Amino acid sequence: MDLDAYVAEHGGEWRRLDQLSARRWLDAAEVDELVALYQRATTQLSVLRSRSPDPALVGELSQVVLRARARLTGRPRPSWAVVRRFLLAGFPGAVWRAAPWWCAVATAFTLLTFTLIWFVADNPETAAAFIGDAEAAHLVESGFAGYYTEFSAPTFAFHLWTHNAWLAAQCLAAGVLIVPVGYLLWQNVVNIGVVGGVMVSYGRADVFFGLITPHGLLELTGVFVAAGVGLRTGWAWIAPPEQLTRGQAVARAGRDGILVALGLVGLFAVSAVIEAFVTPAPVPVALRIAVGAAAWLAFLAYVLILGPRRRSADREVGGGFDLHSSR
C-alpha cells in the first residue's frame, strides 16, 4: 500500500470532516456531507489499521472519526444555553406541573401548624409534655432569638442550606412511598407548632413571627415544593395516566423530581442567606419581613410566569444537539 498516495487522495476529505465536526451550526447540506464523509472515513480508518505501519496516522484519523461521531450522535456539550434552558424552562415548568400537589401540601401544613400553635397557646400545660417547663422558659427568654445569632452568619447560612437541601432530598426520594413524606412534614409541623405555641402563650408572638416570617416564607415553600413533587411521583406509581405504563409515569415524574432538586439548591441558598443575615439583623421587623416577602413573591412570580409557558414533560435539561434544527 502506497501510504503517501493514500493520504494525498483522502487527506482533503479528512480535513473537511474535521472542519464540519468543529462547527457549531450546520445547514441541511452540510449535515448530509458530514454523514457521507464520516462513513467513508470509518472505512478508510479500517483500511489503514489493517495495512498501515504508521500508528501516528491511524491515531490522528481515529481522533477525526471520534469527533465526527460525537457531532453526529449529539454528545452534550457544556453550555450556558443548558443553564438558561434549565432556569427558564426546566425548573419552573416542573414546579408548575406539580403545583396542585405542593399547594395542597402547603395548605394542610399551614392549617395543622396554626391549629397546633393555637392549641399549645390555649393549653400552656401541654408545653411541658413536649419540651418541659424549664426548656419552655429558656426558649421564651433567650433560646428562640439566640438560635439565630449562636453562630457566625456564614457558618449558620451553610448549615441551613445543607440541612434544608437534605430535607428536600428526603421528601423527593421518599415520595414514591408516600408515608415517609407525611412523617417528615409532621415533624416540622410539631416543631414549629410547639415552639410557636409556647411563644404565643408567654406573650411573645411578635418575637416568634417577627423572626420566623422573613426566611420561613421562602424556606417552607421550598419544602412544600419538594414534598409535593415527591408525592406526585408516588401517585404516578399508584395511578398512572391511561396513556402511560406505571414505569413510564414514574420515570416522567422522576425527571421532574431531578429538575426540582437542582432548582431547590438555589432556592435554599437564598433562604439560608436571608435567615442568617436578614432575620437577626438589627433593623425594623417590617423591613426584615419585607425582604423575605419580596424573595418569596419573586419566586412565586417566577413559577407563575414561566411555568405555564413551558412545553411539557420531555424538554428538560440535557439533551443532545439536533443538527437539522440547529440553524
Protein backbone atom coordinates (compact mmCIF):
# COMPACT_ATOMS: atom_id res chain seq x y z
CA MET A 1 0.00 0.00 0.00
CA ASP A 2 1.40 3.40 -1.02
CA LEU A 3 0.70 5.35 2.16
CA ASP A 4 1.66 8.74 0.76
CA ALA A 5 -0.64 8.32 -2.22
CA TYR A 6 -3.50 7.18 0.03
CA VAL A 7 -3.10 10.24 2.28
CA ALA A 8 -2.85 12.54 -0.71
CA GLU A 9 -6.03 11.06 -2.16
CA HIS A 10 -8.15 11.22 1.01
CA GLY A 11 -6.46 13.82 3.20
CA GLY A 12 -8.69 16.61 1.91
CA GLU A 13 -11.79 14.65 2.90
CA TRP A 14 -10.44 14.08 6.40
CA ARG A 15 -9.68 17.77 6.86
CA ARG A 16 -13.15 18.68 5.62
CA LEU A 17 -14.68 16.14 8.01
CA ASP A 18 -12.77 17.65 10.91
CA GLN A 19 -13.86 21.17 9.95
CA LEU A 20 -17.53 20.18 9.81
CA SER A 21 -17.26 18.36 13.15
CA ALA A 22 -15.92 21.51 14.80
CA ARG A 23 -18.66 23.80 13.52
CA ARG A 24 -21.42 24.80 15.91
CA TRP A 25 -24.12 25.20 13.28
CA LEU A 26 -24.67 23.15 10.15
CA ASP A 27 -27.27 23.51 7.45
CA ALA A 28 -29.00 20.51 5.90
CA ALA A 29 -26.49 20.13 3.05
CA GLU A 30 -23.55 20.25 5.44
CA VAL A 31 -25.17 17.63 7.66
CA ASP A 32 -25.53 15.31 4.66
CA GLU A 33 -21.91 15.96 3.73
CA LEU A 34 -20.80 15.25 7.30
CA VAL A 35 -22.61 11.91 7.31
CA ALA A 36 -21.13 10.86 3.95
CA LEU A 37 -17.57 11.86 4.92
CA TYR A 38 -17.90 10.10 8.26
CA GLN A 39 -18.99 6.87 6.62
CA ARG A 40 -16.10 6.99 4.18
CA ALA A 41 -13.60 7.90 6.90
CA THR A 42 -14.59 4.92 9.05
CA THR A 43 -13.96 2.61 6.10
CA GLN A 44 -10.65 4.29 5.35
CA LEU A 45 -9.63 4.04 9.01
CA SER A 46 -10.27 0.30 8.90
CA VAL A 47 -8.07 0.01 5.82
CA LEU A 48 -5.23 1.92 7.49
CA ARG A 49 -5.46 -0.16 10.65
CA SER A 50 -5.12 -3.36 8.70
CA ARG A 51 -2.45 -2.26 6.24
CA SER A 52 -0.59 0.78 7.55
CA PRO A 53 2.51 0.55 9.74
CA ASP A 54 2.10 4.23 10.74
CA PRO A 55 0.45 4.40 14.20
CA ALA A 56 0.59 8.23 14.23
CA LEU A 57 -1.59 8.45 11.13
CA VAL A 58 -4.00 5.85 12.46
CA GLY A 59 -4.25 7.73 15.76
CA GLU A 60 -4.84 11.09 14.05
CA LEU A 61 -7.58 9.74 11.80
CA SER A 62 -9.15 7.93 14.77
CA GLN A 63 -9.48 11.27 16.56
CA VAL A 64 -11.11 12.82 13.49
CA VAL A 65 -13.60 9.95 13.28
CA LEU A 66 -14.38 10.14 17.01
CA ARG A 67 -15.05 13.88 16.82
CA ALA A 68 -17.33 13.35 13.84
CA ARG A 69 -19.17 10.56 15.62
CA ALA A 70 -19.69 12.78 18.70
CA ARG A 71 -21.05 15.54 16.47
CA LEU A 72 -23.49 13.18 14.78
CA THR A 73 -24.69 11.44 17.92
CA GLY A 74 -25.23 14.73 19.70
CA ARG A 75 -22.88 14.44 22.66
CA PRO A 76 -23.99 17.02 25.24
CA ARG A 77 -21.62 19.95 25.44
CA PRO A 78 -21.34 22.21 28.48
CA SER A 79 -23.06 25.42 27.53
CA TRP A 80 -24.73 28.42 29.09
CA ALA A 81 -27.68 27.51 26.88
CA VAL A 82 -28.21 24.42 29.04
CA VAL A 83 -28.23 26.56 32.18
CA ARG A 84 -30.55 29.05 30.56
CA ARG A 85 -32.92 26.31 29.43
CA PHE A 86 -32.95 24.89 32.95
CA LEU A 87 -33.68 28.24 34.59
CA LEU A 88 -36.26 29.41 32.06
CA ALA A 89 -37.89 26.10 31.16
CA GLY A 90 -36.94 23.01 33.11
CA PHE A 91 -37.20 24.13 36.73
CA PRO A 92 -40.23 26.46 36.60
CA GLY A 93 -42.04 24.02 34.33
CA ALA A 94 -41.50 21.13 36.74
CA VAL A 95 -42.64 23.21 39.72
CA TRP A 96 -45.70 24.38 37.80
CA ARG A 97 -46.73 20.86 36.79
CA ALA A 98 -46.66 19.82 40.44
CA ALA A 99 -48.47 22.96 41.66
CA PRO A 100 -51.69 21.19 42.75
CA TRP A 101 -49.64 18.85 44.90
CA TRP A 102 -47.42 21.34 46.66
CA CYS A 103 -50.26 23.83 47.10
CA ALA A 104 -52.24 21.08 48.82
CA VAL A 105 -49.23 20.29 51.00
CA ALA A 106 -48.81 23.97 51.86
CA THR A 107 -52.48 24.31 52.80
CA ALA A 108 -52.52 21.21 55.00
CA PHE A 109 -49.20 22.10 56.64
CA THR A 110 -50.31 25.66 57.41
CA LEU A 111 -53.66 24.59 58.86
CA LEU A 112 -52.11 21.91 61.04
CA THR A 113 -49.32 24.22 62.23
CA PHE A 114 -51.62 27.08 63.23
CA THR A 115 -54.01 24.62 64.87
CA LEU A 116 -51.15 23.27 66.96
CA ILE A 117 -49.92 26.79 67.79
CA TRP A 118 -53.42 27.70 68.95
CA PHE A 119 -53.81 24.50 70.97
CA VAL A 120 -50.47 24.85 72.78
CA ALA A 121 -51.04 28.55 73.41
CA ASP A 122 -54.52 27.87 74.77
CA ASN A 123 -53.27 24.98 76.91
CA PRO A 124 -49.86 26.05 78.26
CA GLU A 125 -49.53 22.90 80.32
CA THR A 126 -49.14 20.90 77.11
CA ALA A 127 -45.75 22.54 76.52
CA ALA A 128 -44.38 20.55 79.46
CA ALA A 129 -45.43 17.35 77.72
CA PHE A 130 -43.50 18.33 74.61
CA ILE A 131 -40.37 20.13 75.86
CA GLY A 132 -40.64 20.64 79.64
CA ASP A 133 -41.27 23.78 81.70
CA ALA A 134 -37.61 24.74 82.07
CA GLU A 135 -36.92 24.44 78.36
CA ALA A 136 -40.08 26.42 77.59
CA ALA A 137 -38.97 29.24 79.88
CA HIS A 138 -35.48 29.25 78.33
CA LEU A 139 -36.97 29.28 74.85
CA VAL A 140 -39.04 32.36 75.62
CA GLU A 141 -36.33 34.26 77.48
CA SER A 142 -33.46 33.83 75.05
CA GLY A 143 -33.38 30.44 73.35
CA PHE A 144 -35.54 31.21 70.34
CA ALA A 145 -33.96 34.55 69.47
CA GLY A 146 -30.49 33.31 70.39
CA TYR A 147 -30.73 30.49 67.86
CA TYR A 148 -30.26 33.00 65.03
CA THR A 149 -27.09 34.53 66.48
CA GLU A 150 -25.42 31.50 68.07
CA PHE A 151 -23.02 31.02 65.15
CA SER A 152 -21.37 33.36 62.69
CA ALA A 153 -23.64 34.25 59.79
CA PRO A 154 -21.64 32.45 57.03
CA THR A 155 -21.39 29.25 59.11
CA PHE A 156 -25.06 29.43 60.02
CA ALA A 157 -26.07 30.01 56.39
CA PHE A 158 -24.10 26.99 55.19
CA HIS A 159 -25.62 24.81 57.91
CA LEU A 160 -29.15 25.93 57.00
CA TRP A 161 -28.52 25.44 53.30
CA THR A 162 -27.30 21.87 53.67
CA HIS A 163 -29.98 20.99 56.24
CA ASN A 164 -32.86 22.23 54.10
CA ALA A 165 -31.43 20.72 50.92
CA TRP A 166 -31.16 17.37 52.71
CA LEU A 167 -34.76 17.62 53.95
CA ALA A 168 -35.94 18.38 50.42
CA ALA A 169 -33.92 15.47 49.04
CA GLN A 170 -35.54 13.14 51.57
CA CYS A 171 -39.01 14.33 50.57
CA LEU A 172 -38.25 13.85 46.89
CA ALA A 173 -36.64 10.45 47.30
CA ALA A 174 -39.23 9.10 49.75
CA GLY A 175 -42.19 10.42 47.76
CA VAL A 176 -42.70 7.16 45.91
CA LEU A 177 -43.56 5.56 49.28
CA ILE A 178 -45.95 8.41 50.26
CA VAL A 179 -45.93 7.77 54.04
CA PRO A 180 -42.34 8.93 54.81
CA VAL A 181 -43.12 12.33 53.30
CA GLY A 182 -46.04 12.73 55.68
CA TYR A 183 -43.80 11.80 58.59
CA LEU A 184 -41.13 14.34 57.62
CA LEU A 185 -43.73 17.08 57.25
CA TRP A 186 -45.38 16.18 60.57
CA GLN A 187 -42.05 16.52 62.36
CA ASN A 188 -41.80 20.08 61.07
CA VAL A 189 -45.43 20.81 61.98
CA VAL A 190 -44.78 19.71 65.57
CA ASN A 191 -41.53 21.67 65.80
CA ILE A 192 -42.99 24.95 64.54
CA GLY A 193 -46.36 24.43 66.24
CA VAL A 194 -44.97 23.72 69.70
CA VAL A 195 -42.36 26.48 69.62
CA GLY A 196 -44.89 28.95 68.25
CA GLY A 197 -47.50 27.90 70.79
CA VAL A 198 -45.07 28.37 73.68
CA MET A 199 -44.00 31.79 72.43
CA VAL A 200 -47.62 32.90 71.95
CA SER A 201 -48.67 31.60 75.38
CA TYR A 202 -45.94 33.70 77.01
CA GLY A 203 -46.98 36.80 75.09
CA ARG A 204 -44.05 36.71 72.66
CA ALA A 205 -45.96 36.18 69.43
CA ASP A 206 -44.36 39.30 67.96
CA VAL A 207 -40.89 37.85 68.52
CA PHE A 208 -41.83 34.47 67.09
CA PHE A 209 -43.50 35.70 63.90
CA GLY A 210 -41.02 38.57 63.51
CA LEU A 211 -38.13 36.10 63.38
CA ILE A 212 -39.64 33.18 61.53
CA THR A 213 -41.50 35.05 58.78
CA PRO A 214 -38.60 36.65 56.83
CA HIS A 215 -36.97 33.37 55.88
CA GLY A 216 -39.85 31.00 56.58
CA LEU A 217 -41.95 32.10 53.61
CA LEU A 218 -39.35 31.04 51.05
CA GLU A 219 -37.84 28.18 53.03
CA LEU A 220 -41.15 26.45 53.75
CA THR A 221 -42.30 26.96 50.17
CA GLY A 222 -39.21 25.06 49.06
CA VAL A 223 -40.08 22.23 51.45
CA PHE A 224 -43.69 22.21 50.20
CA VAL A 225 -42.49 22.01 46.58
CA ALA A 226 -40.16 19.10 47.38
CA ALA A 227 -42.89 17.25 49.26
CA GLY A 228 -45.48 17.89 46.56
CA VAL A 229 -43.21 16.69 43.76
CA GLY A 230 -42.27 13.64 45.81
CA LEU A 231 -45.93 12.78 46.45
CA ARG A 232 -46.70 13.31 42.77
CA THR A 233 -44.08 10.70 41.94
CA GLY A 234 -45.68 8.27 44.40
CA TRP A 235 -49.11 8.88 42.92
CA ALA A 236 -47.75 8.26 39.42
CA TRP A 237 -46.91 4.75 40.64
CA ILE A 238 -50.33 4.22 42.25
CA ALA A 239 -52.49 5.71 39.48
CA PRO A 240 -50.54 6.29 36.24
CA PRO A 241 -52.25 8.14 33.36
CA GLU A 242 -54.08 5.88 30.93
CA GLN A 243 -51.66 6.56 28.07
CA LEU A 244 -48.59 5.62 30.13
CA THR A 245 -47.39 2.47 31.82
CA ARG A 246 -46.64 2.63 35.53
CA GLY A 247 -42.92 2.70 34.84
CA GLN A 248 -43.24 5.47 32.26
CA ALA A 249 -45.35 7.58 34.60
CA VAL A 250 -42.87 7.22 37.44
CA ALA A 251 -39.95 7.96 35.12
CA ARG A 252 -41.61 11.14 33.87
CA ALA A 253 -42.41 12.32 37.40
CA GLY A 254 -38.90 11.34 38.46
CA ARG A 255 -37.37 13.56 35.78
CA ASP A 256 -39.33 16.46 37.19
CA GLY A 257 -38.05 15.50 40.62
CA ILE A 258 -34.44 15.77 39.45
CA LEU A 259 -35.08 19.23 37.99
CA VAL A 260 -36.78 20.38 41.18
CA ALA A 261 -33.97 19.02 43.33
CA LEU A 262 -31.41 21.03 41.35
CA GLY A 263 -33.51 24.18 41.44
CA LEU A 264 -34.22 23.96 45.16
CA VAL A 265 -30.49 24.01 45.87
CA GLY A 266 -30.52 27.62 44.70
CA LEU A 267 -33.77 28.46 46.47
CA PHE A 268 -32.49 27.15 49.79
CA ALA A 269 -29.25 29.06 49.33
CA VAL A 270 -31.28 32.28 49.11
CA SER A 271 -33.44 31.39 52.11
CA ALA A 272 -30.33 30.48 54.11
CA VAL A 273 -28.75 33.86 53.36
CA ILE A 274 -31.96 35.60 54.47
CA GLU A 275 -32.16 33.57 57.68
CA ALA A 276 -28.50 34.06 58.57
CA PHE A 277 -28.09 37.72 57.59
CA VAL A 278 -31.56 39.33 57.47
CA THR A 279 -33.59 37.56 60.18
CA PRO A 280 -31.28 38.57 63.08
CA ALA A 281 -30.37 41.95 61.62
CA PRO A 282 -30.87 44.96 63.97
CA VAL A 283 -33.40 46.64 61.69
CA PRO A 284 -37.17 47.13 62.00
CA VAL A 285 -39.20 43.94 61.86
CA ALA A 286 -41.25 45.32 58.99
CA LEU A 287 -38.12 45.73 56.88
CA ARG A 288 -36.94 42.18 57.58
CA ILE A 289 -40.34 40.78 56.67
CA ALA A 290 -40.43 42.93 53.53
CA VAL A 291 -37.11 41.45 52.36
CA GLY A 292 -38.32 37.90 52.96
CA ALA A 293 -41.71 38.57 51.36
CA ALA A 294 -40.04 40.11 48.30
CA ALA A 295 -37.89 36.99 47.78
CA TRP A 296 -40.93 34.74 48.27
CA LEU A 297 -43.13 36.71 45.87
CA ALA A 298 -40.30 36.80 43.32
CA PHE A 299 -40.12 33.01 43.38
CA LEU A 300 -43.90 32.64 43.02
CA ALA A 301 -43.91 35.11 40.13
CA TYR A 302 -41.03 33.23 38.50
CA VAL A 303 -43.02 29.99 38.59
CA LEU A 304 -46.37 31.54 37.68
CA ILE A 305 -44.98 33.46 34.71
CA LEU A 306 -42.52 30.94 33.24
CA GLY A 307 -44.10 27.66 34.36
CA PRO A 308 -47.30 27.72 32.25
CA ARG A 309 -45.34 28.81 29.16
CA ARG A 310 -43.07 25.79 29.17
CA ARG A 311 -43.62 22.80 26.99
CA SER A 312 -44.47 19.73 28.99
CA ALA A 313 -42.62 16.72 30.09
CA ASP A 314 -39.79 15.82 27.87
CA ARG A 315 -37.99 19.07 27.04
CA GLU A 316 -35.75 19.30 30.02
CA VAL A 317 -32.13 19.92 30.88
CA GLY A 318 -29.52 17.97 28.94
CA GLY A 319 -30.31 16.50 25.60
CA GLY A 320 -28.16 16.42 22.53
CA PHE A 321 -27.86 18.76 19.61
CA ASP A 322 -30.27 18.31 16.75
CA LEU A 323 -28.12 19.01 13.74
CA HIS A 324 -31.03 19.68 11.42
CA SER A 325 -32.65 22.18 13.77
CA SER A 326 -29.52 23.98 14.87
CA ARG A 327 -29.67 26.71 12.28
